[in-house]
Amino acid sequence: MSAEPLPIVGPSERPRLLLKYRDAALALQICERKLFDLGKRGEIPVVRMGKSVRFDSRDIAAYIDAHKATGGKP
């Protein structure tokens, strides 16, 4: 089962594949600190570009799917 990108759009209404902490946390409806911890523990992969950290929208969707299927246990 492959995760589809989330339908998150920017000001130009184009889907965004990489999300900043704030946008990824909003998509998951969790605080940024919790998302930071999930990324640090490797539960959600991060994309590093220099000093910037982003989240692939497909990884966010996969994380949601995994938690739906297992009741919160990855």
PDB file of N, CA and C in Angstrom:
ATOM      1  N   MET A   1       0.839  -1.162   0.000  1.00  0.00           N
ATOM      2  CA  MET A   1       0.000   0.000   0.000  1.00  0.00           C
ATOM      3  C   MET A   1       0.891   1.235   0.000  1.00  0.00           C
ATOM      4  N   SER A   2       0.773   2.047  -1.023  1.00  0.00           N
ATOM      5  CA  SER A   2       1.607   3.249  -1.098  1.00  0.00           C
ATOM      6  C   SER A   2       0.794   4.454  -0.659  1.00  0.00           C
ATOM      7  N   ALA A   3       1.397   5.287   0.135  1.00  0.00           N
ATOM      8  CA  ALA A   3       0.714   6.464   0.665  1.00  0.00           C
ATOM      9  C   ALA A   3       0.686   7.561  -0.387  1.00  0.00           C
ATOM     10  N   GLU A   4      -0.455   8.173  -0.526  1.00  0.00           N
ATOM     11  CA  GLU A   4      -0.619   9.286  -1.454  1.00  0.00           C
ATOM     12  C   GLU A   4      -0.268  10.585  -0.733  1.00  0.00           C
ATOM     13  N   PRO A   5       0.238  11.593  -1.479  1.00  0.00           N
ATOM     14  CA  PRO A   5       0.525  12.878  -0.842  1.00  0.00           C
ATOM     15  C   PRO A   5      -0.747  13.494  -0.269  1.00  0.00           C
ATOM     16  N   LEU A   6      -0.602  14.235   0.803  1.00  0.00           N
ATOM     17  CA  LEU A   6      -1.737  14.918   1.399  1.00  0.00           C
ATOM     18  C   LEU A   6      -2.172  16.080   0.517  1.00  0.00           C
ATOM     19  N   PRO A   7      -3.455  16.392   0.505  1.00  0.00           N
ATOM     20  CA  PRO A   7      -3.919  17.516  -0.318  1.00  0.00           C
ATOM     21  C   PRO A   7      -3.696  18.852   0.379  1.00  0.00           C
ATOM     22  N   ILE A   8      -2.456  19.145   0.715  1.00  0.00           N
ATOM     23  CA  ILE A   8      -2.124  20.424   1.340  1.00  0.00           C
ATOM     24  C   ILE A   8      -1.680  21.375   0.238  1.00  0.00           C
ATOM     25  N   VAL A   9      -2.277  22.545   0.227  1.00  0.00           N
ATOM     26  CA  VAL A   9      -1.968  23.484  -0.849  1.00  0.00           C
ATOM     27  C   VAL A   9      -1.433  24.777  -0.269  1.00  0.00           C
ATOM     28  N   GLY A  10      -0.606  25.415  -1.051  1.00  0.00           N
ATOM     29  CA  GLY A  10      -0.039  26.697  -0.663  1.00  0.00           C
ATOM     30  C   GLY A  10      -0.841  27.832  -1.263  1.00  0.00           C
ATOM     31  N   PRO A  11      -0.293  29.040  -1.152  1.00  0.00           N
ATOM     32  CA  PRO A  11      -1.009  30.216  -1.668  1.00  0.00           C
ATOM     33  C   PRO A  11      -1.308  30.128  -3.160  1.00  0.00           C
ATOM     34  N   SER A  12      -0.478  29.422  -3.909  1.00  0.00           N
ATOM     35  CA  SER A  12      -0.698  29.322  -5.353  1.00  0.00           C
ATOM     36  C   SER A  12      -1.582  28.133  -5.702  1.00  0.00           C
ATOM     37  N   GLU A  13      -2.111  27.440  -4.675  1.00  0.00           N
ATOM     38  CA  GLU A  13      -2.996  26.298  -4.848  1.00  0.00           C
ATOM     39  C   GLU A  13      -2.330  25.097  -5.512  1.00  0.00           C
ATOM     40  N   ARG A  14      -1.012  24.995  -5.423  1.00  0.00           N
ATOM     41  CA  ARG A  14      -0.300  23.808  -5.897  1.00  0.00           C
ATOM     42  C   ARG A  14      -0.014  22.926  -4.693  1.00  0.00           C
ATOM     43  N   PRO A  15      -0.187  21.610  -4.818  1.00  0.00           N
ATOM     44  CA  PRO A  15       0.111  20.727  -3.689  1.00  0.00           C
ATOM     45  C   PRO A  15       1.578  20.846  -3.277  1.00  0.00           C
ATOM     46  N   ARG A  16       1.832  20.809  -1.974  1.00  0.00           N
ATOM     47  CA  ARG A  16       3.193  20.856  -1.460  1.00  0.00           C
ATOM     48  C   ARG A  16       3.601  19.450  -1.056  1.00  0.00           C
ATOM     49  N   LEU A  17       4.723  18.992  -1.557  1.00  0.00           N
ATOM     50  CA  LEU A  17       5.217  17.662  -1.220  1.00  0.00           C
ATOM     51  C   LEU A  17       5.998  17.672   0.076  1.00  0.00           C
ATOM     52  N   LEU A  18       6.740  18.756   0.331  1.00  0.00           N
ATOM     53  CA  LEU A  18       7.518  18.869   1.560  1.00  0.00           C
ATOM     54  C   LEU A  18       6.888  19.912   2.465  1.00  0.00           C
ATOM     55  N   LEU A  19       6.745  19.551   3.732  1.00  0.00           N
ATOM     56  CA  LEU A  19       6.074  20.421   4.686  1.00  0.00           C
ATOM     57  C   LEU A  19       7.027  20.888   5.765  1.00  0.00           C
ATOM     58  N   LYS A  20       6.890  22.131   6.191  1.00  0.00           N
ATOM     59  CA  LYS A  20       7.633  22.646   7.331  1.00  0.00           C
ATOM     60  C   LYS A  20       7.029  22.052   8.601  1.00  0.00           C
ATOM     61  N   TYR A  21       7.762  22.183   9.719  1.00  0.00           N
ATOM     62  CA  TYR A  21       7.282  21.661  10.997  1.00  0.00           C
ATOM     63  C   TYR A  21       5.846  22.108  11.278  1.00  0.00           C
ATOM     64  N   ARG A  22       5.593  23.393  11.151  1.00  0.00           N
ATOM     65  CA  ARG A  22       4.271  23.926  11.495  1.00  0.00           C
ATOM     66  C   ARG A  22       3.177  23.281  10.656  1.00  0.00           C
ATOM     67  N   ASP A  23       3.407  23.176   9.342  1.00  0.00           N
ATOM     68  CA  ASP A  23       2.396  22.621   8.450  1.00  0.00           C
ATOM     69  C   ASP A  23       2.185  21.127   8.693  1.00  0.00           C
ATOM     70  N   ALA A  24       3.274  20.396   8.931  1.00  0.00           N
ATOM     71  CA  ALA A  24       3.162  18.960   9.203  1.00  0.00           C
ATOM     72  C   ALA A  24       2.447  18.731  10.531  1.00  0.00           C
ATOM     73  N   ALA A  25       2.760  19.539  11.532  1.00  0.00           N
ATOM     74  CA  ALA A  25       2.102  19.413  12.837  1.00  0.00           C
ATOM     75  C   ALA A  25       0.616  19.728  12.713  1.00  0.00           C
ATOM     76  N   LEU A  26       0.270  20.736  11.933  1.00  0.00           N
ATOM     77  CA  LEU A  26      -1.141  21.056  11.711  1.00  0.00           C
ATOM     78  C   LEU A  26      -1.859  19.907  11.011  1.00  0.00           C
ATOM     79  N   ALA A  27      -1.192  19.289  10.037  1.00  0.00           N
ATOM     80  CA  ALA A  27      -1.796  18.170   9.316  1.00  0.00           C
ATOM     81  C   ALA A  27      -2.077  17.001  10.265  1.00  0.00           C
ATOM     82  N   LEU A  28      -1.175  16.778  11.223  1.00  0.00           N
ATOM     83  CA  LEU A  28      -1.345  15.692  12.183  1.00  0.00           C
ATOM     84  C   LEU A  28      -2.161  16.114  13.408  1.00  0.00           C
ATOM     85  N   GLN A  29      -2.417  17.391  13.538  1.00  0.00           N
ATOM     86  CA  GLN A  29      -3.128  17.971  14.675  1.00  0.00           C
ATOM     87  C   GLN A  29      -2.421  17.674  15.995  1.00  0.00           C
ATOM     88  N   ILE A  30      -1.089  17.877  15.972  1.00  0.00           N
ATOM     89  CA  ILE A  30      -0.260  17.736  17.160  1.00  0.00           C
ATOM     90  C   ILE A  30       0.613  18.981  17.269  1.00  0.00           C
ATOM     91  N   CYS A  31       1.246  19.175  18.420  1.00  0.00           N
ATOM     92  CA  CYS A  31       2.120  20.340  18.566  1.00  0.00           C
ATOM     93  C   CYS A  31       3.460  20.076  17.859  1.00  0.00           C
ATOM     94  N   GLU A  32       4.155  21.144  17.547  1.00  0.00           N
ATOM     95  CA  GLU A  32       5.430  21.027  16.852  1.00  0.00           C
ATOM     96  C   GLU A  32       6.456  20.250  17.674  1.00  0.00           C
ATOM     97  N   ARG A  33       6.417  20.394  18.994  1.00  0.00           N
ATOM     98  CA  ARG A  33       7.364  19.679  19.861  1.00  0.00           C
ATOM     99  C   ARG A  33       7.177  18.165  19.756  1.00  0.00           C
ATOM    100  N   LYS A  34       5.922  17.720  19.724  1.00  0.00           N
ATOM    101  CA  LYS A  34       5.632  16.289  19.575  1.00  0.00           C
ATOM    102  C   LYS A  34       6.155  15.797  18.223  1.00  0.00           C
ATOM    103  N   LEU A  35       5.954  16.592  17.180  1.00  0.00           N
ATOM    104  CA  LEU A  35       6.451  16.223  15.855  1.00  0.00           C
ATOM    105  C   LEU A  35       7.975  16.160  15.856  1.00  0.00           C
ATOM    106  N   PHE A  36       8.613  17.107  16.519  1.00  0.00           N
ATOM    107  CA  PHE A  36      10.068  17.093  16.642  1.00  0.00           C
ATOM    108  C   PHE A  36      10.530  15.784  17.282  1.00  0.00           C
ATOM    109  N   ASP A  37       9.864  15.383  18.360  1.00  0.00           N
ATOM    110  CA  ASP A  37      10.217  14.132  19.043  1.00  0.00           C
ATOM    111  C   ASP A  37      10.006  12.920  18.142  1.00  0.00           C
ATOM    112  N   LEU A  38       8.916  12.891  17.387  1.00  0.00           N
ATOM    113  CA  LEU A  38       8.656  11.773  16.474  1.00  0.00           C
ATOM    114  C   LEU A  38       9.741  11.686  15.399  1.00  0.00           C
ATOM    115  N   GLY A  39      10.152  12.840  14.884  1.00  0.00           N
ATOM    116  CA  GLY A  39      11.218  12.866  13.881  1.00  0.00           C
ATOM    117  C   GLY A  39      12.546  12.447  14.464  1.00  0.00           C
ATOM    118  N   LYS A  40      12.836  12.908  15.672  1.00  0.00           N
ATOM    119  CA  LYS A  40      14.105  12.575  16.317  1.00  0.00           C
ATOM    120  C   LYS A  40      14.214  11.078  16.600  1.00  0.00           C
ATOM    121  N   ARG A  41      13.091  10.464  16.985  1.00  0.00           N
ATOM    122  CA  ARG A  41      13.079   9.019  17.262  1.00  0.00           C
ATOM    123  C   ARG A  41      12.995   8.187  15.987  1.00  0.00           C
ATOM    124  N   GLY A  42      12.807   8.840  14.840  1.00  0.00           N
ATOM    125  CA  GLY A  42      12.743   8.124  13.573  1.00  0.00           C
ATOM    126  C   GLY A  42      11.371   7.544  13.266  1.00  0.00           C
ATOM    127  N   GLU A  43      10.360   7.938  14.017  1.00  0.00           N
ATOM    128  CA  GLU A  43       9.015   7.432  13.763  1.00  0.00           C
ATOM    129  C   GLU A  43       8.414   8.055  12.510  1.00  0.00           C
ATOM    130  N   ILE A  44       8.802   9.285  12.228  1.00  0.00           N
ATOM    131  CA  ILE A  44       8.432   9.948  10.982  1.00  0.00           C
ATOM    132  C   ILE A  44       9.733  10.413  10.342  1.00  0.00           C
ATOM    133  N   PRO A  45      10.025   9.947   9.114  1.00  0.00           N
ATOM    134  CA  PRO A  45      11.271  10.371   8.458  1.00  0.00           C
ATOM    135  C   PRO A  45      11.294  11.873   8.197  1.00  0.00           C
ATOM    136  N   VAL A  46      12.474  12.452   8.255  1.00  0.00           N
ATOM    137  CA  VAL A  46      12.644  13.869   7.947  1.00  0.00           C
ATOM    138  C   VAL A  46      13.521  14.011   6.708  1.00  0.00           C
ATOM    139  N   VAL A  47      13.340  15.106   6.012  1.00  0.00           N
ATOM    140  CA  VAL A  47      14.150  15.447   4.844  1.00  0.00           C
ATOM    141  C   VAL A  47      15.004  16.637   5.248  1.00  0.00           C
ATOM    142  N   ARG A  48      16.298  16.468   5.219  1.00  0.00           N
ATOM    143  CA  ARG A  48      17.213  17.549   5.605  1.00  0.00           C
ATOM    144  C   ARG A  48      17.812  18.181   4.349  1.00  0.00           C
ATOM    145  N   MET A  49      17.722  19.509   4.318  1.00  0.00           N
ATOM    146  CA  MET A  49      18.309  20.288   3.221  1.00  0.00           C
ATOM    147  C   MET A  49      19.106  21.398   3.877  1.00  0.00           C
ATOM    148  N   GLY A  50      20.379  21.145   4.091  1.00  0.00           N
ATOM    149  CA  GLY A  50      21.189  22.091   4.835  1.00  0.00           C
ATOM    150  C   GLY A  50      20.689  22.140   6.268  1.00  0.00           C
ATOM    151  N   LYS A  51      20.337  23.331   6.747  1.00  0.00           N
ATOM    152  CA  LYS A  51      19.806  23.481   8.101  1.00  0.00           C
ATOM    153  C   LYS A  51      18.293  23.302   8.158  1.00  0.00           C
ATOM    154  N   SER A  52      17.668  23.245   7.000  1.00  0.00           N
ATOM    155  CA  SER A  52      16.212  23.107   6.951  1.00  0.00           C
ATOM    156  C   SER A  52      15.798  21.655   7.125  1.00  0.00           C
ATOM    157  N   VAL A  53      14.708  21.464   7.847  1.00  0.00           N
ATOM    158  CA  VAL A  53      14.121  20.144   8.028  1.00  0.00           C
ATOM    159  C   VAL A  53      12.696  20.206   7.489  1.00  0.00           C
ATOM    160  N   ARG A  54      12.353  19.251   6.659  1.00  0.00           N
ATOM    161  CA  ARG A  54      11.013  19.182   6.082  1.00  0.00           C
ATOM    162  C   ARG A  54      10.483  17.755   6.243  1.00  0.00           C
ATOM    163  N   PHE A  55       9.184  17.619   6.056  1.00  0.00           N
ATOM    164  CA  PHE A  55       8.524  16.322   6.125  1.00  0.00           C
ATOM    165  C   PHE A  55       7.847  16.056   4.798  1.00  0.00           C
ATOM    166  N   ASP A  56       8.055  14.849   4.271  1.00  0.00           N
ATOM    167  CA  ASP A  56       7.415  14.445   3.030  1.00  0.00           C
ATOM    168  C   ASP A  56       5.949  14.161   3.341  1.00  0.00           C
ATOM    169  N   SER A  57       5.048  14.750   2.573  1.00  0.00           N
ATOM    170  CA  SER A  57       3.618  14.575   2.843  1.00  0.00           C
ATOM    171  C   SER A  57       3.214  13.104   2.742  1.00  0.00           C
ATOM    172  N   ARG A  58       3.918  12.319   1.916  1.00  0.00           N
ATOM    173  CA  ARG A  58       3.613  10.881   1.820  1.00  0.00           C
ATOM    174  C   ARG A  58       3.986  10.152   3.104  1.00  0.00           C
ATOM    175  N   ASP A  59       5.068  10.608   3.772  1.00  0.00           N
ATOM    176  CA  ASP A  59       5.443  10.003   5.056  1.00  0.00           C
ATOM    177  C   ASP A  59       4.429  10.339   6.135  1.00  0.00           C
ATOM    178  N   ILE A  60       3.884  11.539   6.083  1.00  0.00           N
ATOM    179  CA  ILE A  60       2.847  11.928   7.033  1.00  0.00           C
ATOM    180  C   ILE A  60       1.614  11.042   6.821  1.00  0.00           C
ATOM    181  N   ALA A  61       1.217  10.859   5.555  1.00  0.00           N
ATOM    182  CA  ALA A  61       0.067  10.006   5.240  1.00  0.00           C
ATOM    183  C   ALA A  61       0.321   8.567   5.664  1.00  0.00           C
ATOM    184  N   ALA A  62       1.548   8.064   5.456  1.00  0.00           N
ATOM    185  CA  ALA A  62       1.892   6.697   5.845  1.00  0.00           C
ATOM    186  C   ALA A  62       1.843   6.534   7.365  1.00  0.00           C
ATOM    187  N   TYR A  63       2.286   7.546   8.098  1.00  0.00           N
ATOM    188  CA  TYR A  63       2.246   7.510   9.561  1.00  0.00           C
ATOM    189  C   TYR A  63       0.803   7.422  10.043  1.00  0.00           C
ATOM    190  N   ILE A  64      -0.066   8.199   9.425  1.00  0.00           N
ATOM    191  CA  ILE A  64      -1.486   8.159   9.782  1.00  0.00           C
ATOM    192  C   ILE A  64      -2.059   6.777   9.477  1.00  0.00           C
ATOM    193  N   ASP A  65      -1.765   6.247   8.291  1.00  0.00           N
ATOM    194  CA  ASP A  65      -2.269   4.928   7.908  1.00  0.00           C
ATOM    195  C   ASP A  65      -1.788   3.840   8.858  1.00  0.00           C
ATOM    196  N   ALA A  66      -0.528   3.896   9.246  1.00  0.00           N
ATOM    197  CA  ALA A  66       0.029   2.880  10.143  1.00  0.00           C
ATOM    198  C   ALA A  66      -0.666   2.919  11.501  1.00  0.00           C
ATOM    199  N   HIS A  67      -0.985   4.103  11.958  1.00  0.00           N
ATOM    200  CA  HIS A  67      -1.641   4.214  13.253  1.00  0.00           C
ATOM    201  C   HIS A  67      -3.124   3.876  13.202  1.00  0.00           C
ATOM    202  N   LYS A  68      -3.738   4.022  12.047  1.00  0.00           N
ATOM    203  CA  LYS A  68      -5.126   3.588  11.897  1.00  0.00           C
ATOM    204  C   LYS A  68      -5.212   2.064  11.936  1.00  0.00           C
ATOM    205  N   ALA A  69      -4.260   1.409  11.275  1.00  0.00           N
ATOM    206  CA  ALA A  69      -4.294  -0.048  11.149  1.00  0.00           C
ATOM    207  C   ALA A  69      -3.945  -0.750  12.459  1.00  0.00           C
ATOM    208  N   THR A  70      -3.152  -0.111  13.306  1.00  0.00           N
ATOM    209  CA  THR A  70      -2.658  -0.778  14.523  1.00  0.00           C
ATOM    210  C   THR A  70      -3.221  -0.188  15.791  1.00  0.00           C
ATOM    211  N   GLY A  71      -4.068   0.778  15.686  1.00  0.00           N
ATOM    212  CA  GLY A  71      -4.609   1.403  16.890  1.00  0.00           C
ATOM    213  C   GLY A  71      -3.587   2.197  17.659  1.00  0.00           C
ATOM    214  N   GLY A  72      -2.606   2.780  16.982  1.00  0.00           N
ATOM    215  CA  GLY A  72      -1.619   3.625  17.629  1.00  0.00           C
ATOM    216  C   GLY A  72      -0.305   2.945  17.909  1.00  0.00           C
ATOM    217  N   LYS A  73      -0.162   1.685  17.543  1.00  0.00           N
ATOM    218  CA  LYS A  73       1.103   0.973  17.762  1.00  0.00           C
ATOM    219  C   LYS A  73       1.753   0.699  16.420  1.00  0.00           C
ATOM    220  N   PRO A  74       2.829   1.425  16.084  1.00  0.00           N
ATOM    221  CA  PRO A  74       3.474   1.267  14.763  1.00  0.00           C
ATOM    222  C   PRO A  74       4.056  -0.116  14.556  1.00  0.00           C
TER     223      PRO A  74
END
